[in-house]
Amino acid sequence: MSYQFDQNSSTFQTLERLETAYGNEWILTTKQLKHLLLIEIPNVDRFSRGCWEFEFVCKIGNSKGWRVSKLFF
């Protein structure tokens, strides 16, 4: 049985980057978040994707600043 980690490596990198942002309490811009999640960021103050939550917390120039947090079930 062979595994194709290459196809999922971007998923692991994304999770690793989200974990780093969360652990370091970084605020990500909308552009950074869009690049990381590969989605259009909704025009709301809070949204979730998988087990991650993103909350608008400040303005950074012309962009929104987003706090990354984990959803615990």
Protein backbone atom coordinates (compact mmCIF):
# COMPACT_ATOMS: atom_id res chain seq x y z
CA MET A 1 0.00 0.00 0.00
CA SER A 2 1.41 3.40 -0.93
CA TYR A 3 0.51 6.73 0.54
CA GLN A 4 0.52 9.97 -1.37
CA PHE A 5 1.54 12.52 1.20
CA ASP A 6 2.36 15.05 -1.50
CA GLN A 7 -1.32 15.58 -2.26
CA ASN A 8 -2.05 16.32 1.39
CA SER A 9 1.15 18.17 2.28
CA SER A 10 -0.53 21.52 1.70
CA THR A 11 -3.28 20.48 4.12
CA PHE A 12 -0.71 19.64 6.78
CA GLN A 13 1.15 22.89 6.11
CA THR A 14 -2.09 24.84 6.47
CA LEU A 15 -2.89 23.14 9.78
CA GLU A 16 0.66 23.76 10.99
CA ARG A 17 0.46 27.44 10.06
CA LEU A 18 -2.93 27.83 11.75
CA GLU A 19 -1.55 26.14 14.86
CA THR A 20 1.44 28.51 14.84
CA ALA A 21 -0.78 31.58 14.41
CA TYR A 22 -3.03 30.36 17.23
CA GLY A 23 -0.15 29.49 19.56
CA ASN A 24 1.61 32.81 19.02
CA GLU A 25 -1.61 34.84 19.13
CA TRP A 26 -0.86 36.33 15.74
CA ILE A 27 -3.39 38.53 13.97
CA LEU A 28 -3.65 37.63 10.28
CA THR A 29 -4.80 39.99 7.55
CA THR A 30 -7.64 39.07 5.23
CA LYS A 31 -5.10 38.60 2.43
CA GLN A 32 -3.01 36.21 4.54
CA LEU A 33 -6.07 34.26 5.61
CA LYS A 34 -7.40 34.04 2.04
CA HIS A 35 -4.03 32.73 0.84
CA LEU A 36 -3.82 30.23 3.68
CA LEU A 37 -7.39 28.87 3.50
CA LEU A 38 -7.81 29.16 -0.29
CA ILE A 39 -11.32 30.58 0.11
CA GLU A 40 -13.06 33.93 -0.19
CA ILE A 41 -13.27 35.39 3.29
CA PRO A 42 -16.91 36.14 4.14
CA ASN A 43 -17.90 39.71 4.97
CA VAL A 44 -18.74 38.92 8.59
CA ASP A 45 -17.10 39.54 11.96
CA ARG A 46 -16.68 35.85 12.78
CA PHE A 47 -16.66 32.59 10.85
CA SER A 48 -15.45 29.04 11.29
CA ARG A 49 -13.81 26.53 9.03
CA GLY A 50 -13.37 22.99 10.32
CA CYS A 51 -12.24 23.19 13.95
CA TRP A 52 -10.91 26.75 13.53
CA GLU A 53 -12.65 30.03 14.25
CA PHE A 54 -11.64 33.39 12.84
CA GLU A 55 -12.73 36.61 14.52
CA PHE A 56 -12.34 40.14 13.19
CA VAL A 57 -10.49 42.05 15.92
CA CYS A 58 -8.91 45.13 14.31
CA LYS A 59 -8.06 47.00 11.15
CA ILE A 60 -4.57 46.63 9.67
CA GLY A 61 -4.28 49.34 7.06
CA ASN A 62 -7.15 48.76 4.64
CA SER A 63 -7.55 45.15 5.70
CA LYS A 64 -9.29 43.35 8.53
CA GLY A 65 -7.19 41.68 11.21
CA TRP A 66 -8.33 38.19 12.22
CA ARG A 67 -7.65 36.29 15.44
CA VAL A 68 -7.31 32.53 15.01
CA SER A 69 -8.77 30.25 17.67
CA LYS A 70 -9.64 26.60 18.01
CA LEU A 71 -13.12 25.24 18.46
CA PHE A 72 -13.23 22.57 21.13
CA PHE A 73 -16.14 20.18 21.09
